[in-house]
Amino acid sequence: MTRKQHNKENRRKNMRLQGYDYSRTGLYFLTVVVQNRLHLFGEIPRTACTEPPKMILNDAGNMVEKWYSEIENKFPDKRCHEMVVMPNHFHCIIENMAMDAHVRPLDAHVGAPLRGRPNDEQRPNDEQRPNDEQRPNDEQRPNDEQRPNDEQRPNDEQRPNDERRPNDEQRPNDERRPNDDQRPNDEQRPNDERRPENDNSKYGIHNKRYGATIGNVMDWFKTMTTNEYIRGVKFNNWRRFDGKLWQRNYYDHIIRNDNAYQKISEYIIDNPIKWDDDTFNCE
């Protein structure tokens, strides 16, 4: 096999429509699949012929549903439509809404304002700046003889006992620095002083984001679900996944008219019924 053939076979397939702006207003059908297609989110038990199959979510599946509902809180210009959590994948329709005129596009976060240079009114003009007469010249500055050198500065041995710096042994007990055993942890702190579990970082739901692309939304969704799934494995004995919770990429389809929206919505709703013939059903 030549090097060119090897690179071609190992090149990742780009599933996005080339040149398309995924922050544009519109509806998008999205599918995210579990790495190695493991059944992590529940099961669809076989039922009698008179009853349609139903998806029975476990705690991990309920977690995925929860973070899907949080997308509208994180991205206020997005709307969540039909969705379904399957044993090893997830279907949904997300809508990019038109932003209000007062909202800044492209990563306009809500929070503290950015620090910038002062405007012209805040900058001192030439009349406010000190002139050469106000600035101290070399004659006004202290020379080396006036500055104390290292020999003139007193060290701890030359200082009187009362002026020496106290170390931890000389300090009273109340003034000594607490070590790690003495510092209060979250359980010892009052409720109001405890650290929040989720920091107000760029991934937090309180740090809202406008003008994001569908790719930004899916990256955030996969990050939040992966972090909580890891906690579930650690503390609630959830089934472990292989390296990653989700596959690296995701499937998307741009919904261009009402007829396509109706068909895809029905497909999502009926997905558990057709599980036996589903291409992702591999266990």
Foldseek 3Di string as FASTA:
>chain_A
DDPVVVCVVPPDDDQDDPPDFQLDFAKKKWKWFFVVLAQFFAAFDDDDPVDFTDGDGDPLVVLLVVLLVLLCLQEVQKDWDDKDDHRTMIITMMGGHDDDPPDDADWDWDDDDDDDDDDPVPDDDPVPDDDPVPDDDPVPDDDPVPDDDPVRDDDQVPDPPVPHDDDQVRDPPVPHDDDPVPDDAQVPDPPVPHDDPDDPDSLDSNTHTYSDGPVVSVVSSQVVSFVVVVVCCVPVVRDDGDPGGIDPDMHMDTDDDPVSVVVVSVCRVCVSSCVVVDPSPDD
